[in-house]
N, C-alpha and C. Protein backbone atom coordinates (compact mmCIF):
# COMPACT_ATOMS: atom_id res chain seq x y z
N MET A 1 0.91 -1.05 -0.56
CA MET A 1 -0.06 0.01 0.08
C MET A 1 0.82 1.47 0.11
N ASP A 2 0.71 1.87 -0.94
CA ASP A 2 1.27 3.73 -1.02
C ASP A 2 1.33 4.22 0.56
N VAL A 3 2.03 4.85 1.15
CA VAL A 3 2.18 5.33 2.44
C VAL A 3 1.33 6.56 2.28
N ASN A 4 0.69 7.53 0.61
CA ASN A 4 0.45 8.36 0.73
C ASN A 4 -1.18 7.87 0.54
N THR A 5 -1.70 6.50 0.80
CA THR A 5 -2.95 5.83 0.28
C THR A 5 -3.79 6.60 1.89
N LYS A 6 -5.16 7.56 1.91
CA LYS A 6 -6.04 7.63 2.70
C LYS A 6 -6.84 6.02 2.97
N ILE A 7 -6.52 5.75 4.45
CA ILE A 7 -7.29 4.70 4.67
C ILE A 7 -8.79 5.01 4.94
N HIS A 8 -9.73 4.82 4.80
CA HIS A 8 -11.12 5.22 5.31
C HIS A 8 -11.47 3.54 6.07
N MET A 9 -11.69 4.22 7.21
CA MET A 9 -11.98 3.62 8.37
C MET A 9 -13.67 4.15 8.93
N PRO A 10 -14.69 2.67 9.20
CA PRO A 10 -16.11 3.17 9.14
C PRO A 10 -16.17 3.82 10.59
N ASN A 11 -17.68 4.24 11.13
CA ASN A 11 -17.49 4.98 12.18
C ASN A 11 -17.99 3.40 13.39
N ILE A 12 -16.95 3.89 14.45
CA ILE A 12 -16.63 3.09 14.94
C ILE A 12 -17.08 4.03 16.51
N ASN A 13 -17.94 5.24 16.03
CA ASN A 13 -18.88 5.28 17.61
C ASN A 13 -17.02 6.18 17.93
N ALA A 14 -16.19 6.34 17.29
CA ALA A 14 -15.35 7.23 17.87
C ALA A 14 -15.47 8.95 17.87
N SER A 15 -15.45 9.72 18.88
CA SER A 15 -15.29 11.13 19.43
C SER A 15 -15.04 11.86 18.45
N GLU A 16 -15.61 12.84 18.61
CA GLU A 16 -15.15 13.35 17.55
C GLU A 16 -13.66 13.74 17.13
N ASN A 17 -13.71 14.64 18.58
CA ASN A 17 -11.75 14.75 18.41
C ASN A 17 -11.34 13.49 18.32
N THR A 18 -11.23 12.86 18.10
CA THR A 18 -10.07 11.19 17.78
C THR A 18 -10.25 11.37 15.95
N LYS A 19 -11.55 11.59 15.41
CA LYS A 19 -12.15 11.40 14.20
C LYS A 19 -10.98 12.94 13.84
N GLN A 20 -11.40 13.81 14.58
CA GLN A 20 -10.31 14.43 13.49
C GLN A 20 -8.77 14.65 13.50
N ARG A 21 -8.03 14.03 15.10
CA ARG A 21 -6.87 13.83 14.52
C ARG A 21 -7.29 12.74 13.61
N VAL A 22 -7.28 11.69 13.25
CA VAL A 22 -7.40 10.97 12.29
C VAL A 22 -7.69 11.58 11.00
N GLU A 23 -7.96 12.75 10.44
CA GLU A 23 -8.17 13.36 9.61
C GLU A 23 -6.96 14.07 9.99
N GLN A 24 -6.68 14.67 10.53
CA GLN A 24 -5.18 15.77 10.37
C GLN A 24 -4.40 14.95 10.46
N ALA A 25 -3.76 13.92 10.57
CA ALA A 25 -3.04 12.92 10.37
C ALA A 25 -2.37 12.16 8.84
N HIS A 26 -4.19 11.96 8.53
CA HIS A 26 -4.36 11.56 6.92
C HIS A 26 -3.61 13.01 5.85
N SER A 27 -4.04 13.87 6.48
CA SER A 27 -3.89 15.62 5.64
C SER A 27 -2.30 15.57 5.81
N LYS A 28 -1.46 15.83 6.90
CA LYS A 28 -0.36 16.13 7.12
C LYS A 28 0.82 15.51 6.18
N GLU A 29 1.75 16.39 5.58
CA GLU A 29 2.74 15.52 4.66
C GLU A 29 3.63 14.25 5.47
N ILE A 30 4.05 13.59 5.11
CA ILE A 30 4.46 12.18 5.29
C ILE A 30 5.72 12.41 4.84
N ARG A 31 6.64 11.94 5.90
CA ARG A 31 8.12 12.34 5.64
C ARG A 31 8.51 11.19 4.69
N THR A 32 9.21 11.41 3.88
CA THR A 32 9.98 10.42 2.84
C THR A 32 11.68 10.18 3.30
N ASN A 33 12.00 10.90 4.15
CA ASN A 33 13.08 10.66 4.90
C ASN A 33 13.53 9.19 6.24
N PHE A 34 13.32 8.20 5.82
CA PHE A 34 12.99 7.50 7.51
C PHE A 34 14.61 7.38 8.56
N SER A 35 15.60 7.62 7.44
CA SER A 35 16.81 8.01 8.31
C SER A 35 16.42 9.45 9.40
N GLU A 36 15.99 10.43 9.14
CA GLU A 36 15.42 11.02 10.17
C GLU A 36 14.66 11.19 10.94
N LYS A 37 15.75 11.68 12.40
CA LYS A 37 15.54 11.45 13.38
C LYS A 37 14.02 12.49 13.94
N ILE A 38 13.21 11.84 15.23
CA ILE A 38 12.19 12.84 15.12
C ILE A 38 11.89 13.29 16.34
N SER A 39 11.26 14.14 17.06
CA SER A 39 11.38 15.04 18.00
C SER A 39 10.71 13.88 18.87
N LYS A 40 10.43 14.46 20.26
CA LYS A 40 9.53 13.73 21.03
C LYS A 40 8.30 13.68 20.83
N GLU A 41 8.01 14.98 20.75
CA GLU A 41 6.94 15.60 20.37
C GLU A 41 5.93 14.71 19.16
N GLU A 42 6.91 14.59 18.05
CA GLU A 42 6.54 14.35 16.55
C GLU A 42 6.56 12.61 16.98
N ALA A 43 7.36 11.84 17.74
CA ALA A 43 7.11 11.01 18.43
C ALA A 43 5.61 10.38 18.99
N MET A 44 5.33 11.44 20.24
CA MET A 44 4.21 11.00 20.75
C MET A 44 3.39 11.18 20.17
N GLU A 45 3.05 12.15 18.93
CA GLU A 45 2.19 12.63 18.24
C GLU A 45 2.05 10.97 16.83
N LEU A 46 2.73 10.50 16.80
CA LEU A 46 3.16 9.00 15.95
C LEU A 46 2.37 8.83 16.87
N ARG A 47 3.16 8.33 18.00
CA ARG A 47 2.44 6.95 18.75
C ARG A 47 0.45 7.08 19.09
N THR A 48 -0.11 8.21 19.18
CA THR A 48 -0.86 8.63 19.08
C THR A 48 -1.95 8.03 17.89
N GLN A 49 -1.66 8.80 16.74
CA GLN A 49 -2.17 8.49 15.35
C GLN A 49 -2.12 6.94 15.09
N ILE A 50 -0.64 6.12 15.31
CA ILE A 50 -0.64 4.71 15.78
C ILE A 50 -1.92 3.90 16.74
N ARG A 51 -1.43 4.61 17.47
CA ARG A 51 -2.70 3.58 18.46
C ARG A 51 -4.21 4.19 17.73
N GLU A 52 -4.51 4.90 17.15
CA GLU A 52 -5.81 5.49 17.24
C GLU A 52 -5.78 4.66 15.32
N ASN A 53 -5.48 4.49 14.58
CA ASN A 53 -5.56 3.64 13.32
C ASN A 53 -5.56 1.89 14.36
N ALA A 54 -4.59 1.62 15.12
CA ALA A 54 -4.25 0.45 14.80
C ALA A 54 -5.56 0.07 15.69
N ASN A 55 -6.25 0.79 16.44
CA ASN A 55 -7.41 0.53 17.62
C ASN A 55 -8.78 0.66 16.81
N ALA A 56 -8.55 1.43 15.35
CA ALA A 56 -9.84 1.32 14.77
C ALA A 56 -9.68 0.07 13.91
N MET A 57 -8.20 -0.31 13.17
CA MET A 57 -7.92 -1.72 12.73
C MET A 57 -8.57 -2.69 13.68
N MET A 58 -8.08 -2.83 14.53
CA MET A 58 -8.67 -4.29 15.57
C MET A 58 -9.91 -3.98 15.75
N LEU A 59 -10.91 -3.20 15.36
CA LEU A 59 -11.80 -3.06 16.16
C LEU A 59 -12.82 -3.43 15.39
N ASN A 60 -12.12 -3.02 13.71
CA ASN A 60 -13.24 -3.44 12.49
C ASN A 60 -13.05 -4.94 12.25
N SER A 61 -11.85 -5.32 12.82
CA SER A 61 -11.32 -7.01 12.10
C SER A 61 -12.12 -7.64 13.41
N THR A 62 -11.75 -7.41 14.86
CA THR A 62 -12.73 -8.02 15.72
C THR A 62 -14.27 -7.93 15.53
N THR A 63 -14.76 -6.47 15.16
CA THR A 63 -15.84 -7.01 14.95
C THR A 63 -16.51 -7.67 13.40
N ILE A 64 -16.17 -7.70 12.27
CA ILE A 64 -16.20 -8.49 11.49
C ILE A 64 -16.22 -10.37 12.12
N GLN A 65 -15.27 -10.52 12.76
CA GLN A 65 -15.04 -11.62 12.79
C GLN A 65 -16.21 -12.05 13.70
N SER A 66 -16.56 -10.96 14.39
CA SER A 66 -17.44 -11.65 15.67
C SER A 66 -18.38 -11.94 14.82
N ASN A 67 -19.16 -10.74 13.65
CA ASN A 67 -20.67 -11.00 13.75
C ASN A 67 -20.51 -12.12 12.45
N ILE A 68 -19.43 -12.33 11.73
CA ILE A 68 -19.18 -13.64 11.19
C ILE A 68 -19.49 -14.67 11.87
N ILE A 69 -18.82 -15.12 13.04
CA ILE A 69 -19.22 -16.45 13.74
C ILE A 69 -20.51 -16.18 14.30
N ASN A 70 -21.42 -15.00 14.46
CA ASN A 70 -22.64 -14.97 15.93
C ASN A 70 -22.82 -13.34 14.99
N PRO A 71 -23.67 -13.46 13.90
CA PRO A 71 -24.09 -12.53 13.39
C PRO A 71 -24.99 -11.63 14.20
N GLN A 72 -25.12 -10.51 14.13
CA GLN A 72 -26.12 -9.67 15.25
C GLN A 72 -26.76 -8.78 14.53
N ASP A 73 -27.30 -8.21 15.19
CA ASP A 73 -28.46 -7.10 14.19
C ASP A 73 -27.72 -5.90 13.93
N GLU A 74 -26.63 -5.32 14.84
CA GLU A 74 -25.90 -4.26 14.58
C GLU A 74 -25.14 -4.58 13.24
N PHE A 75 -24.96 -5.40 12.87
CA PHE A 75 -23.67 -5.99 11.69
C PHE A 75 -24.47 -4.84 10.54
N THR A 76 -25.91 -5.12 10.45
CA THR A 76 -26.23 -4.79 9.31
C THR A 76 -27.08 -3.25 9.42
N LYS A 77 -26.29 -2.65 10.37
CA LYS A 77 -27.34 -1.11 10.37
C LYS A 77 -25.45 -0.96 10.19
N ASN A 78 -24.88 -1.40 10.40
CA ASN A 78 -23.52 -0.26 9.56
C ASN A 78 -23.13 -1.57 8.30
N TYR A 79 -23.85 -1.49 8.28
CA TYR A 79 -23.73 -2.56 6.37
C TYR A 79 -22.26 -1.75 5.33
N GLU A 80 -23.10 -0.37 5.35
CA GLU A 80 -22.09 0.55 4.27
C GLU A 80 -20.68 0.66 4.35
N ASP A 81 -20.70 1.01 5.78
CA ASP A 81 -19.22 0.92 6.50
C ASP A 81 -17.87 0.04 6.06
N PHE A 82 -19.23 -1.46 7.23
CA PHE A 82 -18.12 -2.39 6.58
C PHE A 82 -18.02 -2.59 5.42
N GLN A 83 -18.62 -2.50 4.54
CA GLN A 83 -18.67 -2.97 3.00
C GLN A 83 -17.41 -2.26 2.26
N SER A 84 -17.35 -0.85 3.17
CA SER A 84 -16.39 0.19 2.23
C SER A 84 -14.79 -0.27 2.86
N PHE A 85 -14.95 -0.44 4.14
CA PHE A 85 -13.67 -1.13 5.02
C PHE A 85 -13.45 -2.22 4.10
N LEU A 86 -14.01 -3.09 4.27
CA LEU A 86 -13.52 -4.32 3.24
C LEU A 86 -13.37 -3.83 1.92
N SER A 87 -13.70 -3.40 1.21
CA SER A 87 -13.22 -2.97 -0.04
C SER A 87 -11.96 -2.43 0.15
N GLY A 88 -11.54 -1.80 1.21
CA GLY A 88 -10.52 -0.92 1.17
C GLY A 88 -9.52 -1.96 1.95
N ILE A 89 -9.65 -3.11 2.12
CA ILE A 89 -8.52 -4.55 2.41
C ILE A 89 -8.69 -5.41 1.76
N GLY A 90 -9.04 -4.81 0.47
CA GLY A 90 -9.03 -5.96 -0.22
C GLY A 90 -10.30 -7.52 -0.76
N TYR A 91 -11.09 -6.97 0.30
CA TYR A 91 -12.40 -7.91 -0.25
C TYR A 91 -13.13 -7.67 -0.90
N GLU A 92 -13.16 -9.08 -2.33
CA GLU A 92 -14.00 -8.79 -3.31
C GLU A 92 -14.96 -9.86 -2.96
N GLY A 93 -15.77 -9.87 -2.41
CA GLY A 93 -16.47 -11.34 -2.14
C GLY A 93 -18.00 -10.70 -2.09
N GLY A 94 -18.61 -12.04 -1.87
CA GLY A 94 -20.13 -11.59 -1.39
C GLY A 94 -20.58 -10.52 -0.80
N PRO A 95 -21.43 -9.42 -0.33
CA PRO A 95 -21.76 -9.31 0.80
C PRO A 95 -21.83 -9.97 1.63
N ILE A 96 -21.08 -9.35 2.80
CA ILE A 96 -21.21 -10.58 4.24
C ILE A 96 -21.87 -10.71 4.76
N ALA A 97 -23.19 -9.68 4.83
CA ALA A 97 -24.49 -10.24 5.56
C ALA A 97 -24.94 -11.72 4.82
N GLU A 98 -24.82 -11.96 3.50
CA GLU A 98 -26.02 -13.25 2.42
C GLU A 98 -24.83 -14.11 2.07
N LEU A 99 -23.80 -13.96 3.15
CA LEU A 99 -22.89 -15.27 2.89
C LEU A 99 -23.16 -16.27 3.95
N SER A 100 -23.03 -17.91 3.28
CA SER A 100 -23.54 -18.58 3.62
C SER A 100 -22.67 -19.10 4.89
N GLN A 101 -22.92 -20.27 5.56
CA GLN A 101 -22.21 -20.82 6.77
C GLN A 101 -20.82 -21.05 6.76
N SER A 102 -20.55 -21.75 5.64
CA SER A 102 -19.23 -22.62 5.52
C SER A 102 -18.81 -21.58 4.75
N GLU A 103 -19.13 -19.97 3.67
CA GLU A 103 -18.11 -19.19 2.96
C GLU A 103 -17.71 -18.11 3.97
N ALA A 104 -18.52 -17.19 5.38
CA ALA A 104 -18.06 -17.18 6.12
C ALA A 104 -17.11 -17.91 7.07
N ALA A 105 -17.32 -19.25 7.43
CA ALA A 105 -15.98 -19.63 8.19
C ALA A 105 -15.03 -20.11 6.84
N GLU A 106 -14.50 -19.91 6.25
CA GLU A 106 -14.09 -19.56 5.22
C GLU A 106 -13.06 -18.11 4.89
N LEU A 107 -13.30 -17.53 5.41
CA LEU A 107 -13.05 -16.15 5.66
C LEU A 107 -12.03 -15.71 6.45
N VAL A 108 -12.72 -16.44 8.10
CA VAL A 108 -12.12 -16.31 9.06
C VAL A 108 -10.90 -17.90 9.42
N SER A 109 -11.03 -18.49 7.98
CA SER A 109 -10.07 -19.90 8.56
C SER A 109 -8.13 -19.26 8.48
N GLU A 110 -8.02 -20.33 8.56
CA GLU A 110 -6.26 -19.86 8.85
C GLU A 110 -5.93 -19.49 7.27
N ASP A 111 -6.34 -19.22 6.56
CA ASP A 111 -6.05 -18.90 5.33
C ASP A 111 -6.89 -18.01 4.83
N GLY A 112 -7.94 -17.79 5.18
CA GLY A 112 -9.27 -16.81 5.02
C GLY A 112 -8.58 -15.35 5.13
N LEU A 113 -9.48 -14.70 4.51
CA LEU A 113 -8.88 -12.98 4.76
C LEU A 113 -9.25 -11.89 5.57
N PHE A 114 -9.96 -12.45 6.47
CA PHE A 114 -9.71 -12.47 8.02
C PHE A 114 -9.44 -13.14 9.21
N GLY A 115 -8.59 -14.12 8.64
CA GLY A 115 -8.17 -15.02 9.37
C GLY A 115 -7.09 -14.41 9.98
N ILE A 116 -6.58 -15.17 10.93
CA ILE A 116 -5.73 -14.77 12.23
C ILE A 116 -4.16 -14.81 10.94
N LYS A 117 -3.58 -15.00 10.19
CA LYS A 117 -2.68 -14.88 9.57
C LYS A 117 -2.61 -13.51 8.72
N GLN A 118 -3.92 -13.59 7.90
CA GLN A 118 -3.29 -12.50 7.26
C GLN A 118 -3.86 -10.93 7.38
N THR A 119 -4.90 -11.14 8.75
CA THR A 119 -5.43 -9.74 9.27
C THR A 119 -3.73 -9.91 10.49
N SER A 120 -2.96 -10.68 11.19
CA SER A 120 -2.37 -10.10 11.37
C SER A 120 -0.89 -9.36 10.91
N GLU A 121 -1.26 -10.00 9.62
CA GLU A 121 0.28 -9.39 8.76
C GLU A 121 -0.49 -7.54 7.97
N ARG A 122 -1.11 -7.81 8.45
CA ARG A 122 -1.75 -6.29 7.80
C ARG A 122 -1.54 -5.54 8.76
N ILE A 123 -1.65 -5.95 10.14
CA ILE A 123 -1.41 -4.83 11.15
C ILE A 123 -0.01 -4.71 11.23
N ALA A 124 0.80 -5.81 11.01
CA ALA A 124 2.36 -5.89 11.43
C ALA A 124 2.93 -5.03 10.10
N ASN A 125 2.50 -5.15 8.65
CA ASN A 125 2.88 -4.74 7.67
C ASN A 125 2.77 -3.28 8.08
N PHE A 126 1.56 -2.46 8.98
CA PHE A 126 1.06 -1.33 8.78
C PHE A 126 2.18 -0.23 9.88
N VAL A 127 2.40 -1.13 10.91
CA VAL A 127 3.82 -0.85 11.66
C VAL A 127 5.24 -0.29 11.07
N ILE A 128 5.28 -1.92 10.27
CA ILE A 128 7.15 -1.90 10.04
C ILE A 128 6.84 -1.04 8.82
N ASN A 129 5.96 -0.61 7.94
CA ASN A 129 6.09 -0.41 6.70
C ASN A 129 6.00 0.97 7.28
N GLY A 130 5.34 1.44 7.88
CA GLY A 130 5.21 2.74 8.48
C GLY A 130 6.12 3.67 9.45
N ALA A 131 7.27 2.51 10.11
CA ALA A 131 8.69 2.92 10.86
C ALA A 131 9.50 3.18 9.32
N GLY A 132 9.07 1.95 8.72
CA GLY A 132 10.56 2.88 7.55
C GLY A 132 11.44 2.52 8.22
N GLY A 133 12.16 1.40 8.62
CA GLY A 133 13.50 1.39 9.24
C GLY A 133 13.51 1.73 10.43
N ASP A 134 12.96 3.01 11.36
CA ASP A 134 13.49 3.83 12.28
C ASP A 134 12.90 3.50 13.53
N GLU A 135 14.15 3.13 14.00
CA GLU A 135 14.05 2.34 15.35
C GLU A 135 12.49 3.02 16.22
N ASP A 136 13.11 4.38 16.01
CA ASP A 136 11.80 5.21 17.26
C ASP A 136 10.23 4.95 17.32
N ARG A 137 10.20 5.13 15.64
CA ARG A 137 9.13 4.48 14.86
C ARG A 137 8.50 3.16 14.46
N MET A 138 8.97 2.24 15.42
CA MET A 138 8.76 0.96 15.21
C MET A 138 8.31 0.93 16.72
N ARG A 139 9.40 1.33 17.56
CA ARG A 139 8.84 0.81 18.90
C ARG A 139 7.60 1.75 18.84
N ALA A 140 7.00 2.92 18.77
CA ALA A 140 6.24 3.88 18.65
C ALA A 140 4.89 3.27 17.99
N GLY A 141 5.36 2.30 17.02
CA GLY A 141 4.35 1.51 16.25
C GLY A 141 3.74 0.25 16.80
N ARG A 142 4.74 -0.45 17.82
CA ARG A 142 4.86 -1.74 18.57
C ARG A 142 3.74 -1.30 19.59
N GLU A 143 4.60 -0.13 19.76
CA GLU A 143 3.39 0.65 21.52
C GLU A 143 2.11 1.35 21.50
N GLY A 144 1.75 1.70 20.35
CA GLY A 144 0.42 1.50 19.70
C GLY A 144 -0.75 0.37 19.20
N MET A 145 0.35 -0.44 18.78
CA MET A 145 -0.61 -1.82 18.54
C MET A 145 -1.37 -2.58 20.29
N LEU A 146 -0.18 -2.39 20.49
CA LEU A 146 -0.82 -2.63 22.27
C LEU A 146 -1.51 -1.57 22.97
N LEU A 147 -1.65 -0.76 22.88
CA LEU A 147 -2.35 0.56 22.94
C LEU A 147 -3.89 0.27 22.41
N GLY A 148 -3.89 0.51 21.70
CA GLY A 148 -4.76 0.23 20.74
C GLY A 148 -5.62 -1.44 21.07
N PHE A 149 -5.08 -2.23 20.97
CA PHE A 149 -5.95 -3.42 21.65
C PHE A 149 -6.68 -3.46 23.05
N ALA A 150 -6.02 -2.89 23.84
CA ALA A 150 -6.48 -2.62 25.48
C ALA A 150 -7.19 -1.77 25.16
N GLN A 151 -7.48 -0.74 23.80
CA GLN A 151 -8.66 0.51 23.88
C GLN A 151 -10.09 -0.33 23.47
N ALA A 152 -9.46 -1.53 22.25
CA ALA A 152 -10.04 -2.37 22.08
C ALA A 152 -10.93 -3.19 23.24
N GLU A 153 -10.43 -3.49 24.10
CA GLU A 153 -10.79 -4.82 24.72
C GLU A 153 -11.63 -3.68 25.63
N GLN A 154 -11.65 -2.38 26.47
CA GLN A 154 -12.27 -1.54 27.25
C GLN A 154 -13.75 -1.12 26.09
N MET A 155 -13.21 -1.23 24.78
CA MET A 155 -14.76 -0.60 24.26
C MET A 155 -15.12 -1.68 23.89
N TRP A 156 -15.10 -2.88 23.86
CA TRP A 156 -15.96 -4.75 23.65
C TRP A 156 -16.37 -4.77 24.95
N GLY A 157 -16.05 -4.16 25.85
CA GLY A 157 -16.64 -4.60 27.62
C GLY A 157 -15.92 -5.65 28.05
N GLY A 158 -14.48 -5.76 27.71
CA GLY A 158 -13.74 -7.14 28.34
C GLY A 158 -12.80 -7.67 27.34
N GLU A 159 -12.77 -9.11 27.60
CA GLU A 159 -12.01 -9.84 26.40
C GLU A 159 -12.08 -9.81 25.19
N LEU A 160 -11.56 -9.84 24.34
CA LEU A 160 -11.96 -9.90 22.68
C LEU A 160 -12.20 -11.55 22.44
N PRO A 161 -12.74 -11.41 21.41
CA PRO A 161 -13.00 -13.36 21.16
C PRO A 161 -11.41 -14.17 21.12
N GLU A 162 -11.11 -15.16 21.01
CA GLU A 162 -9.90 -16.13 21.40
C GLU A 162 -8.74 -15.25 19.63
N ILE A 163 -9.65 -15.56 18.63
CA ILE A 163 -9.09 -14.77 17.52
C ILE A 163 -8.44 -13.84 16.98
N SER A 164 -9.66 -12.96 17.80
CA SER A 164 -8.65 -11.46 18.08
C SER A 164 -7.53 -12.03 19.00
N GLN A 165 -7.34 -12.21 20.11
CA GLN A 165 -6.19 -12.56 21.14
C GLN A 165 -5.39 -13.03 20.12
N GLN A 166 -5.25 -14.00 19.18
CA GLN A 166 -4.36 -14.62 18.75
C GLN A 166 -4.21 -13.82 17.93
N THR A 167 -4.64 -13.55 16.67
CA THR A 167 -4.64 -12.30 15.68
C THR A 167 -3.84 -11.07 16.41
N MET A 168 -3.64 -10.58 17.60
CA MET A 168 -2.90 -9.53 18.15
C MET A 168 -1.43 -9.75 18.40
N GLN A 169 -1.54 -11.60 19.01
CA GLN A 169 -0.32 -11.73 19.40
C GLN A 169 0.66 -12.51 18.31
N ALA A 170 -0.41 -12.79 16.82
CA ALA A 170 0.98 -13.01 15.42
C ALA A 170 1.51 -11.76 15.35
N ALA A 171 0.61 -10.77 15.63
CA ALA A 171 1.21 -9.49 14.29
C ALA A 171 2.38 -8.46 15.89
N ILE A 172 1.98 -8.97 17.40
CA ILE A 172 3.18 -8.12 17.90
C ILE A 172 4.61 -9.40 17.78
N GLU A 173 4.59 -10.45 17.48
CA GLU A 173 5.56 -11.05 16.75
C GLU A 173 6.08 -10.55 15.75
N MET A 174 5.57 -10.74 14.63
CA MET A 174 6.16 -10.29 13.42
C MET A 174 7.05 -8.56 13.85
N VAL A 175 6.19 -7.83 14.87
CA VAL A 175 6.65 -6.62 14.74
C VAL A 175 8.29 -6.91 15.64
N ASP A 176 7.62 -7.78 16.20
CA ASP A 176 9.54 -8.34 17.47
C ASP A 176 10.00 -8.59 16.33
N LYS A 177 9.91 -9.24 15.34
CA LYS A 177 10.80 -10.08 14.34
C LYS A 177 11.50 -9.06 13.89
N ALA A 178 10.63 -8.04 12.92
CA ALA A 178 10.89 -7.47 12.29
C ALA A 178 12.41 -6.34 13.00
N MET A 179 11.85 -6.32 14.62
CA MET A 179 13.00 -4.93 15.26
C MET A 179 14.36 -5.94 15.77
N HIS A 180 14.37 -7.61 16.06
CA HIS A 180 15.02 -8.11 15.85
C HIS A 180 15.97 -7.88 14.88
N GLU A 181 15.12 -8.42 13.91
CA GLU A 181 16.02 -8.94 12.17
C GLU A 181 16.82 -7.25 11.83
N ALA A 182 16.14 -6.30 12.38
CA ALA A 182 17.15 -4.30 12.19
C ALA A 182 18.17 -4.34 13.27
N GLY A 183 18.06 -4.91 14.63
CA GLY A 183 19.29 -5.29 15.20
C GLY A 183 18.90 -4.35 16.17
N TYR A 184 17.87 -4.20 16.48
CA TYR A 184 17.01 -3.14 18.06
C TYR A 184 16.61 -4.65 18.93
N SER A 185 16.77 -4.14 19.95
CA SER A 185 16.36 -4.73 20.85
C SER A 185 14.97 -4.86 21.20
N ILE A 186 14.19 -5.73 21.58
CA ILE A 186 12.65 -5.71 21.49
C ILE A 186 12.23 -5.41 22.89
N LEU A 187 13.37 -4.76 23.79
CA LEU A 187 13.37 -4.26 25.09
C LEU A 187 13.29 -3.32 24.98
N ASN A 188 12.40 -2.65 25.97
CA ASN A 188 12.33 -0.71 25.62
C ASN A 188 13.87 -0.38 26.67
N GLN A 189 13.85 -0.28 25.98
CA GLN A 189 15.61 0.93 26.75
C GLN A 189 15.04 2.23 27.42
N GLU A 190 14.18 2.92 27.70
CA GLU A 190 14.10 3.77 28.68
C GLU A 190 13.46 3.36 29.71
N VAL A 191 13.66 2.09 29.97
CA VAL A 191 12.80 1.50 31.31
C VAL A 191 14.51 1.62 32.34
């Protein structure tokens, strides 16, 4: 995905302030020189942006995974938002609400578009590619994933479904592996 591509996130009952910050983040010029050091303020802003994006992606994935397994009326209320989100991540199948049980199970299967492997890869690649090899950005992205996941659990009202837990664990492992391969310690150096 091109770093200048705007990601459309469906309405997930985010506050107007959060929506404004996400829109501002999309409108800012993206640095193309990834070797350039960033200030603490820029790192904090980046953490906030990554946390919000990771939170939105995780909540969307969790909601889709949950609604495929246990369809609910809320799913149909947000149908257009989900279709837009699905198109944005490459889903080209039929309408989710009209899938058979076997088609839905295939989507969340090990190799399915919403399975652990592909979903965790999308999340991890967002952080890894966004960091562009910069250690501070990689750490900020990893922290944003963890904070976003915790916020998704709060919004969910408790522990997320097992498939979501496994998805986030796999995404964290991929980011940790990328950090290790780049020669960065996966332990926080500031502790």
